[in-house]
Amino acid sequence: MPRYALLLLLALAGCARDPVGLPLTTERNASPPKLQYLGVGGYLMHWRGEGLLIAPSFSNPSFLGLPPLRVKADEATIDARMPPADDVSMLLIGHAHYDHLLDVPRVMQKQAPNAIAYGSATAGHILRAVLPAERIVNAEPAMANVKEAGETGPAAQPGTWLYSRDRRFRAMPIQSMHAPHFAGITFLRGSYDQDLKELPTAVWNWKEGQTLAWLVDLLDEAGKPVYRIHYQDSASTPPYGFPPILEDGKAIDVEILCVGSWNQVQHYPDALLKVSRPRLVVLGHWEDFFGNDPQRPQTIRLLDEQGMVERTRAALPEGTPVVMPVPFSEVALPATP
């Protein structure tokens, strides 16, 4: 609790701001295939009749617009904002902080009743407080290992592909890390080694666990990747979260980056972009989520979001599109080569 109290004090020193001069997109009728940004770190995709969901988060708990000390999923808000997801069979989780995991149980119980959740062991121990074990997979044994990689290289060892129910998606977890929140301090660290009896209500009990990045393939009828997406759950110090080199030689089409805490780690995102070399970059987790209104999103406090945009563009070939979607907007995937 003392560390989280410090985070609260830091938040008091800054204010959320209207996004100005950023590459925002508000498209609501993008041509498929496409991503829909749900806000915070959440995304929804539909492909060939099957859906994939990443870390939906809508409750945005706060205390008078400031970081809360206790949290509970706002089921009415979730039900009002979560898009249809009956076709979702795979739900990916990057880490177990409340802004990524708090709303997952409700979504899996109501909007995505056919989904299996894939995440860290800690995320699983939290979710099993309210969800049956058969709907939760510990993805850590499958993750690509980056411990032996160089600072500018890909993951040293490829992980194992995890396939969706109808095998139209596959996902590979990648060992990553959570960026410090402020001045080199990372809050809400730790893990669980046994199932919880009930969901945490104190913020500091939503422990991070092993943070994962994800490589996601959209597969054709023959099981070959048509699109490859790299999802960076949190800003990280190289080489954490870097995608591995795979024998199939498929290039990364879309890089989804986390803007939050980007300036608390070194060489981010430029070192990652030199490895992934995507055709499209999507910047997410940029908006304040302490009671934030998704209809009028504001930027995270104490964050130089324009600096992130500039560094991202500088690391890419000229003309590579960089977009920052507002919550519930859509981003069309680039045309197949």
Protein backbone atom coordinates (compact mmCIF):
# COMPACT_ATOMS: atom_id res chain seq x y z
CA MET A 1 0.00 0.00 0.00
CA PRO A 2 2.74 2.60 0.70
CA ARG A 3 3.97 2.50 -2.88
CA TYR A 4 0.49 2.93 -4.26
CA ALA A 5 -0.06 5.87 -1.92
CA LEU A 6 3.00 7.49 -3.53
CA LEU A 7 1.45 6.94 -6.95
CA LEU A 8 -1.67 8.73 -5.72
CA LEU A 9 0.38 11.70 -4.57
CA LEU A 10 2.14 11.86 -7.92
CA ALA A 11 -1.19 11.84 -9.72
CA LEU A 12 -2.33 14.78 -7.65
CA ALA A 13 0.51 16.81 -9.18
CA GLY A 14 -0.76 16.46 -12.74
CA CYS A 15 -3.97 16.89 -14.67
CA ALA A 16 -5.39 14.99 -17.60
CA ARG A 17 -5.36 17.12 -20.75
CA ASP A 18 -7.28 17.29 -24.00
CA PRO A 19 -5.38 15.58 -26.82
CA VAL A 20 -4.06 18.24 -29.19
CA GLY A 21 -1.91 17.78 -32.29
CA LEU A 22 -1.99 13.97 -32.10
CA PRO A 23 -2.71 11.55 -34.99
CA LEU A 24 -6.16 10.71 -33.64
CA THR A 25 -8.58 8.62 -35.63
CA THR A 26 -12.33 8.44 -35.01
CA GLU A 27 -13.28 6.05 -37.85
CA ARG A 28 -16.33 3.95 -37.01
CA ASN A 29 -16.96 2.18 -40.33
CA ALA A 30 -13.54 0.93 -41.37
CA SER A 31 -13.45 -1.79 -44.01
CA PRO A 32 -12.65 -5.27 -42.67
CA PRO A 33 -10.34 -6.78 -41.70
CA LYS A 34 -9.93 -4.26 -38.91
CA LEU A 35 -9.09 -3.60 -35.27
CA GLN A 36 -11.52 -1.93 -32.93
CA TYR A 37 -9.89 -0.03 -30.08
CA LEU A 38 -11.87 -0.43 -26.85
CA GLY A 39 -9.87 2.01 -24.76
CA VAL A 40 -6.96 1.53 -22.32
CA GLY A 41 -5.23 -1.64 -23.62
CA GLY A 42 -8.28 -3.29 -25.17
CA TYR A 43 -8.81 -4.39 -28.78
CA LEU A 44 -11.36 -6.52 -30.63
CA MET A 45 -10.89 -8.33 -33.94
CA HIS A 46 -13.19 -10.46 -36.08
CA TRP A 47 -11.72 -12.70 -38.78
CA ARG A 48 -13.38 -15.36 -40.93
CA GLY A 49 -16.24 -15.81 -38.46
CA GLU A 50 -14.17 -15.95 -35.27
CA GLY A 51 -13.24 -13.22 -32.80
CA LEU A 52 -10.21 -12.35 -30.68
CA LEU A 53 -10.26 -9.95 -27.75
CA ILE A 54 -7.41 -8.27 -25.86
CA ALA A 55 -7.78 -7.01 -22.27
CA PRO A 56 -11.13 -5.15 -22.33
CA SER A 57 -11.37 -2.36 -19.73
CA PHE A 58 -14.34 -0.02 -19.31
CA SER A 59 -14.98 0.58 -15.60
CA ASN A 60 -12.29 3.29 -15.19
CA PRO A 61 -12.67 3.49 -11.40
CA SER A 62 -11.51 6.67 -9.69
CA PHE A 63 -11.85 8.72 -6.55
CA LEU A 64 -12.95 12.24 -7.47
CA GLY A 65 -11.12 11.87 -10.77
CA LEU A 66 -7.97 10.60 -9.05
CA PRO A 67 -6.42 7.12 -8.71
CA PRO A 68 -8.62 4.91 -6.53
CA LEU A 69 -7.51 2.78 -3.59
CA ARG A 70 -10.31 0.25 -4.00
CA VAL A 71 -11.85 -1.00 -7.22
CA LYS A 72 -14.85 -2.95 -8.41
CA ALA A 73 -16.05 -3.73 -11.91
CA ASP A 74 -18.89 -1.46 -13.03
CA GLU A 75 -21.13 -4.05 -14.63
CA ALA A 76 -23.63 -1.54 -16.01
CA THR A 77 -20.85 0.38 -17.74
CA ILE A 78 -19.30 -2.81 -19.11
CA ASP A 79 -22.63 -4.00 -20.47
CA ALA A 80 -23.29 -0.63 -22.10
CA ARG A 81 -19.88 -0.29 -23.75
CA MET A 82 -18.66 -3.78 -24.64
CA PRO A 83 -19.35 -4.52 -28.34
CA PRO A 84 -20.88 -7.85 -29.42
CA ALA A 85 -18.37 -10.65 -28.89
CA ASP A 86 -20.26 -13.95 -29.08
CA ASP A 87 -17.75 -15.13 -31.70
CA VAL A 88 -14.70 -14.44 -29.49
CA SER A 89 -12.94 -17.68 -28.58
CA MET A 90 -9.55 -16.25 -27.50
CA LEU A 91 -9.00 -13.47 -24.94
CA LEU A 92 -5.40 -12.36 -24.43
CA ILE A 93 -4.12 -10.73 -21.23
CA GLY A 94 -0.81 -8.91 -20.98
CA HIS A 95 -0.58 -8.45 -17.20
CA ALA A 96 -2.81 -8.57 -14.16
CA HIS A 97 -3.12 -4.93 -13.02
CA TYR A 98 -6.74 -3.91 -12.55
CA ASP A 99 -6.83 -1.67 -15.65
CA HIS A 100 -6.26 -4.79 -17.75
CA LEU A 101 -8.04 -7.51 -15.77
CA LEU A 102 -10.80 -6.00 -13.61
CA ASP A 103 -13.51 -6.18 -16.30
CA VAL A 104 -12.47 -9.48 -17.86
CA PRO A 105 -14.66 -11.72 -15.65
CA ARG A 106 -17.84 -9.82 -16.48
CA VAL A 107 -17.04 -9.76 -20.19
CA MET A 108 -16.34 -13.52 -20.20
CA GLN A 109 -19.52 -14.23 -18.29
CA LYS A 110 -21.84 -12.12 -20.44
CA GLN A 111 -20.50 -10.65 -23.70
CA ALA A 112 -17.89 -13.32 -24.59
CA PRO A 113 -19.31 -16.53 -23.11
CA ASN A 114 -17.28 -18.71 -25.50
CA ALA A 115 -13.90 -17.14 -24.81
CA ILE A 116 -10.89 -18.81 -23.24
CA ALA A 117 -8.54 -16.44 -21.38
CA TYR A 118 -4.77 -16.70 -21.96
CA GLY A 119 -2.41 -14.90 -19.62
CA SER A 120 0.13 -15.23 -16.85
CA ALA A 121 -0.11 -17.67 -13.96
CA THR A 122 -1.00 -14.73 -11.69
CA ALA A 123 -3.80 -13.58 -14.00
CA GLY A 124 -5.17 -17.11 -13.91
CA HIS A 125 -5.05 -17.31 -10.13
CA ILE A 126 -7.06 -14.08 -9.93
CA LEU A 127 -9.63 -15.08 -12.55
CA ARG A 128 -10.25 -18.48 -10.99
CA ALA A 129 -11.89 -16.69 -8.10
CA VAL A 130 -14.97 -16.37 -10.32
CA LEU A 131 -14.36 -18.38 -13.52
CA PRO A 132 -14.01 -22.15 -14.05
CA ALA A 133 -10.48 -23.45 -14.57
CA GLU A 134 -11.31 -24.81 -18.04
CA ARG A 135 -11.78 -21.26 -19.33
CA ILE A 136 -8.31 -20.10 -18.28
CA VAL A 137 -4.91 -21.01 -19.74
CA ASN A 138 -1.53 -20.23 -18.19
CA ALA A 139 0.42 -18.98 -21.19
CA GLU A 140 3.79 -18.63 -19.45
CA PRO A 141 5.10 -22.10 -20.44
CA ALA A 142 4.53 -21.14 -24.09
CA MET A 143 6.22 -17.73 -24.02
CA ALA A 144 9.18 -16.72 -26.17
CA ASN A 145 12.20 -16.17 -23.94
CA VAL A 146 14.18 -12.95 -24.26
CA LYS A 147 16.63 -13.35 -21.37
CA GLU A 148 19.56 -14.14 -23.64
CA ALA A 149 18.74 -11.64 -26.37
CA GLY A 150 20.81 -8.54 -27.06
CA GLU A 151 19.42 -5.06 -26.49
CA THR A 152 18.51 -4.55 -30.13
CA GLY A 153 17.79 -8.13 -31.16
CA PRO A 154 14.68 -10.29 -31.35
CA ALA A 155 13.64 -12.78 -28.67
CA ALA A 156 16.29 -15.45 -28.28
CA GLN A 157 13.95 -18.43 -28.30
CA PRO A 158 10.60 -18.62 -30.13
CA GLY A 159 7.64 -19.61 -28.03
CA THR A 160 4.79 -21.99 -28.78
CA TRP A 161 1.73 -20.99 -30.81
CA LEU A 162 -1.59 -21.19 -29.01
CA TYR A 163 -4.55 -21.71 -31.37
CA SER A 164 -8.09 -20.41 -31.13
CA ARG A 165 -11.04 -22.81 -31.16
CA ASP A 166 -11.60 -22.67 -34.92
CA ARG A 167 -7.88 -22.16 -35.68
CA ARG A 168 -8.44 -18.85 -37.42
CA PHE A 169 -6.19 -17.09 -34.91
CA ARG A 170 -3.02 -18.13 -33.21
CA ALA A 171 -1.09 -16.25 -30.56
CA MET A 172 2.42 -16.53 -29.12
CA PRO A 173 3.16 -15.02 -25.70
CA ILE A 174 6.46 -13.17 -25.36
CA GLN A 175 8.35 -12.50 -22.14
CA SER A 176 8.07 -8.80 -21.42
CA MET A 177 8.15 -6.32 -18.51
CA HIS A 178 6.07 -3.47 -17.17
CA ALA A 179 7.59 -0.01 -17.46
CA PRO A 180 8.11 1.97 -14.25
CA HIS A 181 5.23 4.30 -13.47
CA PHE A 182 7.35 7.21 -12.31
CA ALA A 183 11.01 7.94 -11.47
CA GLY A 184 12.01 4.32 -11.95
CA ILE A 185 9.35 3.01 -9.54
CA THR A 186 7.00 0.25 -10.68
CA PHE A 187 3.90 -0.09 -8.52
CA LEU A 188 1.68 -3.12 -7.86
CA ARG A 189 4.42 -5.65 -8.52
CA GLY A 190 4.37 -9.23 -7.28
CA SER A 191 2.53 -12.43 -8.15
CA TYR A 192 0.21 -15.12 -6.84
CA ASP A 193 0.99 -18.83 -6.63
CA GLN A 194 -2.47 -20.08 -5.71
CA ASP A 195 -6.06 -19.38 -6.72
CA LEU A 196 -7.85 -16.53 -4.98
CA LYS A 197 -11.18 -17.11 -3.24
CA GLU A 198 -12.58 -13.76 -4.35
CA LEU A 199 -11.59 -10.94 -6.67
CA PRO A 200 -9.38 -8.29 -5.05
CA THR A 201 -10.94 -4.99 -4.07
CA ALA A 202 -7.77 -3.22 -2.92
CA VAL A 203 -5.81 -1.87 -5.88
CA TRP A 204 -2.49 -3.14 -4.50
CA ASN A 205 -3.80 -6.73 -4.61
CA TRP A 206 -4.13 -6.64 -8.40
CA LYS A 207 -0.53 -7.82 -8.72
CA GLU A 208 1.31 -7.56 -12.01
CA GLY A 209 2.52 -11.15 -12.44
CA GLN A 210 4.59 -11.95 -15.52
CA THR A 211 3.96 -9.28 -18.16
CA LEU A 212 3.49 -10.65 -21.68
CA ALA A 213 3.64 -9.15 -25.14
CA TRP A 214 1.78 -11.08 -27.85
CA LEU A 215 2.35 -12.07 -31.46
CA VAL A 216 -1.01 -12.68 -33.17
CA ASP A 217 -1.58 -14.29 -36.57
CA LEU A 218 -4.78 -14.16 -38.61
CA LEU A 219 -4.81 -17.45 -40.53
CA ASP A 220 -6.20 -18.49 -43.91
CA GLU A 221 -8.04 -21.72 -44.72
CA ALA A 222 -4.72 -23.58 -45.01
CA GLY A 223 -3.54 -22.36 -41.62
CA LYS A 224 -0.99 -19.91 -42.99
CA PRO A 225 -0.71 -16.35 -41.63
CA VAL A 226 -2.34 -13.62 -43.70
CA TYR A 227 -1.69 -10.89 -41.11
CA ARG A 228 0.80 -10.80 -38.25
CA ILE A 229 0.26 -8.35 -35.38
CA HIS A 230 2.65 -7.60 -32.53
CA TYR A 231 0.95 -6.30 -29.37
CA GLN A 232 3.10 -4.52 -26.80
CA ASP A 233 1.13 -4.64 -23.56
CA SER A 234 3.42 -2.20 -21.75
CA ALA A 235 6.36 -0.03 -22.67
CA SER A 236 9.49 -2.07 -21.92
CA THR A 237 13.25 -1.89 -21.89
CA PRO A 238 14.83 -3.75 -24.82
CA PRO A 239 14.74 -6.62 -25.54
CA TYR A 240 11.69 -7.38 -23.37
CA GLY A 241 8.61 -7.89 -25.49
CA PHE A 242 10.55 -8.11 -28.75
CA PRO A 243 9.09 -10.58 -31.27
CA PRO A 244 11.19 -13.62 -32.12
CA ILE A 245 12.48 -14.46 -35.58
CA LEU A 246 10.37 -17.31 -36.91
CA GLU A 247 11.23 -19.79 -39.65
CA ASP A 248 8.16 -18.91 -41.72
CA GLY A 249 9.69 -15.50 -42.52
CA LYS A 250 6.31 -13.74 -42.23
CA ALA A 251 6.75 -10.01 -41.65
CA ILE A 252 4.87 -8.07 -38.99
CA ASP A 253 2.05 -6.07 -40.54
CA VAL A 254 0.80 -4.13 -37.52
CA GLU A 255 2.60 -2.97 -34.40
CA ILE A 256 0.34 -2.05 -31.47
CA LEU A 257 2.27 0.06 -28.98
CA CYS A 258 1.49 1.12 -25.42
CA VAL A 259 1.95 4.87 -24.93
CA GLY A 260 1.62 4.86 -21.13
CA SER A 261 4.99 5.21 -19.34
CA TRP A 262 6.84 5.22 -22.66
CA ASN A 263 9.36 7.74 -21.35
CA GLN A 264 10.17 5.65 -18.26
CA VAL A 265 12.23 3.12 -20.25
CA GLN A 266 15.14 3.52 -22.64
CA HIS A 267 15.16 3.06 -26.41
CA TYR A 268 11.38 2.70 -26.63
CA PRO A 269 9.78 2.38 -29.07
CA ASP A 270 12.58 2.94 -31.59
CA ALA A 271 14.58 -0.21 -30.79
CA LEU A 272 11.44 -2.35 -31.05
CA LEU A 273 10.36 -0.76 -34.34
CA LYS A 274 13.75 -1.46 -35.90
CA VAL A 275 13.11 -5.15 -35.20
CA SER A 276 9.40 -5.37 -36.05
CA ARG A 277 9.46 -3.04 -39.10
CA PRO A 278 5.65 -2.89 -39.36
CA ARG A 279 3.51 -1.50 -42.16
CA LEU A 280 1.16 0.20 -39.70
CA VAL A 281 1.61 1.42 -36.11
CA VAL A 282 -1.31 1.79 -33.70
CA LEU A 283 -0.75 3.78 -30.50
CA GLY A 284 -3.00 2.71 -27.63
CA HIS A 285 -3.29 3.01 -23.85
CA TRP A 286 -2.77 6.76 -24.24
CA GLU A 287 -5.86 8.10 -22.53
CA ASP A 288 -6.38 8.81 -18.84
CA PHE A 289 -8.43 6.05 -17.20
CA PHE A 290 -9.23 7.54 -13.80
CA GLY A 291 -12.94 8.14 -14.33
CA ASN A 292 -12.26 9.06 -17.95
CA ASP A 293 -15.18 9.61 -20.32
CA PRO A 294 -14.45 7.66 -23.54
CA GLN A 295 -16.59 10.13 -25.46
CA ARG A 296 -14.16 12.87 -24.51
CA PRO A 297 -10.85 11.13 -23.85
CA GLN A 298 -7.98 12.98 -22.26
CA THR A 299 -4.31 12.07 -22.15
CA ILE A 300 -2.56 10.31 -19.27
CA ARG A 301 -1.23 12.68 -16.64
CA LEU A 302 2.47 13.54 -16.66
CA LEU A 303 2.89 11.97 -20.10
CA ASP A 304 4.61 13.55 -23.13
CA GLU A 305 2.42 11.83 -25.70
CA GLN A 306 3.62 14.08 -28.53
CA GLY A 307 7.18 12.96 -27.79
CA MET A 308 6.06 9.34 -28.22
CA VAL A 309 4.50 10.15 -31.58
CA GLU A 310 7.64 11.93 -32.77
CA ARG A 311 9.96 9.14 -31.68
CA THR A 312 7.72 6.54 -33.30
CA ARG A 313 7.70 8.36 -36.63
CA ALA A 314 11.45 8.93 -36.53
CA ALA A 315 12.05 5.18 -36.22
CA LEU A 316 9.91 4.28 -39.25
CA PRO A 317 10.42 4.57 -43.00
CA GLU A 318 8.86 7.76 -44.31
CA GLY A 319 5.18 7.34 -45.06
CA THR A 320 4.50 4.49 -42.61
CA PRO A 321 1.09 5.31 -41.11
CA VAL A 322 0.91 5.99 -37.37
CA VAL A 323 -2.56 6.27 -35.82
CA MET A 324 -3.86 6.92 -32.32
CA PRO A 325 -7.46 5.66 -32.16
CA VAL A 326 -10.00 7.13 -29.76
CA PRO A 327 -12.02 4.57 -27.78
CA PHE A 328 -14.39 2.46 -29.91
CA SER A 329 -12.97 3.69 -33.20
CA GLU A 330 -11.73 1.28 -35.86
CA VAL A 331 -8.49 0.86 -37.76
CA ALA A 332 -8.42 -1.02 -41.07
CA LEU A 333 -5.55 -3.47 -41.45
CA PRO A 334 -3.21 -2.69 -44.35
CA ALA A 335 -3.92 -4.36 -47.67
CA THR A 336 -2.22 -7.72 -48.12
CA PRO A 337 1.00 -7.44 -50.15
